[in-house]
N, C-alpha and C. Protein backbone atom coordinates (compact mmCIF):
# COMPACT_ATOMS: atom_id res chain seq x y z
N UNK A 1 34.93 -120.40 -88.47
CA UNK A 1 36.36 -120.48 -88.32
C UNK A 1 36.81 -121.92 -88.07
N UNK A 2 35.96 -122.70 -87.41
CA UNK A 2 36.33 -124.08 -87.13
C UNK A 2 36.47 -124.88 -88.42
N UNK A 3 35.59 -124.61 -89.38
CA UNK A 3 35.66 -125.31 -90.66
C UNK A 3 36.96 -124.96 -91.39
N UNK A 4 37.33 -123.69 -91.39
CA UNK A 4 38.57 -123.27 -92.03
C UNK A 4 39.75 -123.93 -91.34
N UNK A 5 39.72 -123.98 -90.01
CA UNK A 5 40.79 -124.62 -89.25
C UNK A 5 40.92 -126.09 -89.63
N UNK A 6 39.80 -126.80 -89.70
CA UNK A 6 39.83 -128.22 -90.06
C UNK A 6 40.31 -128.44 -91.49
N UNK A 7 39.84 -127.63 -92.41
CA UNK A 7 40.28 -127.78 -93.81
C UNK A 7 41.77 -127.53 -93.94
N UNK A 8 42.29 -126.58 -93.20
CA UNK A 8 43.72 -126.27 -93.27
C UNK A 8 44.55 -127.39 -92.63
N UNK A 9 44.18 -127.80 -91.42
CA UNK A 9 45.00 -128.76 -90.70
C UNK A 9 44.87 -130.19 -91.22
N UNK A 10 43.68 -130.63 -91.58
CA UNK A 10 43.48 -132.03 -91.92
C UNK A 10 43.47 -132.32 -93.41
N UNK A 11 43.09 -131.34 -94.21
CA UNK A 11 43.06 -131.57 -95.66
C UNK A 11 44.15 -130.80 -96.40
N UNK A 12 44.88 -129.94 -95.72
CA UNK A 12 46.00 -129.25 -96.34
C UNK A 12 45.62 -128.11 -97.26
N UNK A 13 44.45 -127.53 -97.06
CA UNK A 13 44.04 -126.40 -97.90
C UNK A 13 44.95 -125.21 -97.62
N UNK A 14 45.33 -124.52 -98.68
CA UNK A 14 46.10 -123.30 -98.56
C UNK A 14 45.20 -122.08 -98.72
N UNK A 15 45.82 -120.91 -98.73
CA UNK A 15 45.04 -119.68 -98.80
C UNK A 15 44.29 -119.55 -100.12
N UNK A 16 44.87 -119.98 -101.21
CA UNK A 16 44.19 -119.89 -102.52
C UNK A 16 42.96 -120.79 -102.56
N UNK A 17 43.11 -121.99 -102.06
CA UNK A 17 41.99 -122.94 -102.08
C UNK A 17 40.88 -122.46 -101.15
N UNK A 18 41.24 -121.95 -99.97
CA UNK A 18 40.25 -121.43 -99.04
C UNK A 18 39.53 -120.22 -99.62
N UNK A 19 40.28 -119.38 -100.32
CA UNK A 19 39.69 -118.20 -100.95
C UNK A 19 38.65 -118.62 -102.00
N UNK A 20 38.94 -119.67 -102.74
CA UNK A 20 37.99 -120.16 -103.75
C UNK A 20 36.78 -120.82 -103.10
N UNK A 21 36.97 -121.49 -101.97
CA UNK A 21 35.87 -122.19 -101.30
C UNK A 21 34.93 -121.24 -100.56
N UNK A 22 35.47 -120.17 -99.98
CA UNK A 22 34.69 -119.28 -99.13
C UNK A 22 34.58 -117.88 -99.76
N UNK A 23 33.90 -117.80 -100.86
CA UNK A 23 33.72 -116.51 -101.54
C UNK A 23 32.84 -115.57 -100.73
N UNK A 24 31.92 -116.12 -99.94
CA UNK A 24 31.00 -115.27 -99.17
C UNK A 24 31.67 -114.53 -98.04
N UNK A 25 32.87 -114.96 -97.62
CA UNK A 25 33.57 -114.27 -96.53
C UNK A 25 34.10 -112.92 -97.01
N UNK A 26 34.43 -112.81 -98.28
CA UNK A 26 34.91 -111.57 -98.89
C UNK A 26 36.24 -111.13 -98.28
N UNK A 27 37.17 -112.07 -98.11
CA UNK A 27 38.52 -111.78 -97.65
C UNK A 27 39.44 -111.78 -98.84
N UNK A 28 40.65 -111.30 -98.62
CA UNK A 28 41.67 -111.42 -99.66
C UNK A 28 42.69 -112.47 -99.23
N UNK A 29 43.65 -112.73 -100.09
CA UNK A 29 44.64 -113.78 -99.82
C UNK A 29 45.47 -113.45 -98.58
N UNK A 30 45.78 -112.19 -98.38
CA UNK A 30 46.57 -111.79 -97.21
C UNK A 30 45.82 -112.08 -95.91
N UNK A 31 44.52 -111.88 -95.92
CA UNK A 31 43.71 -112.18 -94.74
C UNK A 31 43.74 -113.65 -94.39
N UNK A 32 43.62 -114.51 -95.40
CA UNK A 32 43.70 -115.94 -95.15
C UNK A 32 45.10 -116.34 -94.70
N UNK A 33 46.12 -115.72 -95.30
CA UNK A 33 47.49 -116.04 -94.88
C UNK A 33 47.73 -115.70 -93.42
N UNK A 34 47.21 -114.56 -92.96
CA UNK A 34 47.42 -114.20 -91.56
C UNK A 34 46.64 -115.13 -90.64
N UNK A 35 45.44 -115.57 -91.06
CA UNK A 35 44.69 -116.54 -90.27
C UNK A 35 45.42 -117.87 -90.21
N UNK A 36 45.97 -118.32 -91.32
CA UNK A 36 46.70 -119.59 -91.33
C UNK A 36 47.96 -119.51 -90.49
N UNK A 37 48.62 -118.35 -90.48
CA UNK A 37 49.79 -118.16 -89.63
C UNK A 37 49.40 -118.27 -88.16
N UNK A 38 48.26 -117.68 -87.81
CA UNK A 38 47.76 -117.75 -86.44
C UNK A 38 47.45 -119.20 -86.05
N UNK A 39 46.87 -119.96 -86.97
CA UNK A 39 46.58 -121.37 -86.70
C UNK A 39 47.88 -122.15 -86.52
N UNK A 40 48.88 -121.87 -87.34
CA UNK A 40 50.16 -122.57 -87.21
C UNK A 40 50.82 -122.28 -85.86
N UNK A 41 50.75 -121.02 -85.41
CA UNK A 41 51.42 -120.63 -84.17
C UNK A 41 50.69 -121.10 -82.92
N UNK A 42 49.35 -121.00 -82.93
CA UNK A 42 48.60 -121.29 -81.70
C UNK A 42 47.74 -122.54 -81.80
N UNK A 43 47.63 -123.13 -83.00
CA UNK A 43 46.76 -124.27 -83.26
C UNK A 43 45.31 -123.99 -82.89
N UNK A 44 44.91 -122.72 -82.99
CA UNK A 44 43.55 -122.32 -82.66
C UNK A 44 43.21 -121.05 -83.42
N UNK A 45 41.91 -120.78 -83.55
CA UNK A 45 41.49 -119.53 -84.16
C UNK A 45 40.96 -118.56 -83.10
N UNK A 46 41.10 -118.93 -81.83
CA UNK A 46 40.63 -118.06 -80.75
C UNK A 46 41.50 -116.82 -80.65
N UNK A 47 40.92 -115.77 -80.10
CA UNK A 47 41.68 -114.55 -79.89
C UNK A 47 42.76 -114.77 -78.84
N UNK A 48 43.86 -114.06 -79.01
CA UNK A 48 44.95 -114.18 -78.06
C UNK A 48 44.63 -113.41 -76.79
N UNK A 49 45.12 -113.95 -75.68
CA UNK A 49 44.93 -113.28 -74.40
C UNK A 49 45.81 -112.03 -74.37
N UNK A 50 45.24 -110.91 -73.99
CA UNK A 50 45.98 -109.66 -73.92
C UNK A 50 46.38 -109.39 -72.49
N UNK A 51 47.58 -108.93 -72.31
CA UNK A 51 48.01 -108.58 -70.97
C UNK A 51 47.73 -107.09 -70.73
N UNK A 52 47.70 -106.72 -69.49
CA UNK A 52 47.48 -105.32 -69.15
C UNK A 52 46.06 -105.04 -68.73
N UNK A 53 45.82 -103.78 -68.48
CA UNK A 53 44.52 -103.34 -68.00
C UNK A 53 43.51 -103.29 -69.15
N UNK A 54 42.28 -103.74 -68.90
CA UNK A 54 41.27 -103.67 -69.96
C UNK A 54 40.92 -102.22 -70.31
N UNK A 55 40.53 -101.99 -71.53
CA UNK A 55 40.21 -100.63 -71.98
C UNK A 55 38.94 -100.10 -71.33
N UNK A 56 37.97 -100.95 -71.12
CA UNK A 56 36.68 -100.52 -70.59
C UNK A 56 36.39 -101.22 -69.29
N UNK A 57 35.95 -100.43 -68.31
CA UNK A 57 35.52 -101.02 -67.05
C UNK A 57 34.01 -101.07 -67.03
N UNK A 58 33.43 -102.18 -67.37
CA UNK A 58 31.97 -102.30 -67.44
C UNK A 58 31.45 -102.88 -66.14
N UNK A 59 30.71 -102.07 -65.43
CA UNK A 59 30.04 -102.52 -64.21
C UNK A 59 28.55 -102.25 -64.37
N UNK A 60 27.77 -102.77 -63.44
CA UNK A 60 26.33 -102.50 -63.48
C UNK A 60 26.05 -101.01 -63.37
N UNK A 61 26.82 -100.32 -62.54
CA UNK A 61 26.63 -98.88 -62.36
C UNK A 61 26.94 -98.12 -63.65
N UNK A 62 27.99 -98.50 -64.33
CA UNK A 62 28.35 -97.84 -65.59
C UNK A 62 27.30 -98.08 -66.67
N UNK A 63 26.73 -99.25 -66.67
CA UNK A 63 25.76 -99.59 -67.71
C UNK A 63 24.43 -98.89 -67.50
N UNK A 64 24.05 -98.59 -66.24
CA UNK A 64 22.77 -97.96 -66.00
C UNK A 64 22.85 -96.45 -65.99
N UNK A 65 24.01 -95.87 -65.76
CA UNK A 65 24.19 -94.43 -65.71
C UNK A 65 24.41 -93.90 -67.11
N UNK A 66 23.70 -92.85 -67.49
CA UNK A 66 23.86 -92.24 -68.80
C UNK A 66 24.87 -91.10 -68.68
N UNK A 67 25.99 -91.22 -69.40
CA UNK A 67 27.06 -90.23 -69.29
C UNK A 67 27.00 -89.17 -70.37
N UNK A 68 25.98 -89.12 -71.16
CA UNK A 68 25.91 -88.15 -72.27
C UNK A 68 25.34 -86.83 -71.84
């Protein structure tokens, strides 16, 4: 993701050019467009911080106890 971020910000690559360069990722143009939008808004490819309670409470006790 860092390479895509650098190519977009410093070399001006768009979604079509990135799609041609990274065939092994197997994304479509819409996927690259949403990633580029995220880079424009946050200047990063990191996941956004979510507010609220986490979905899973992972503790040592939960991990060792078999609930099945």
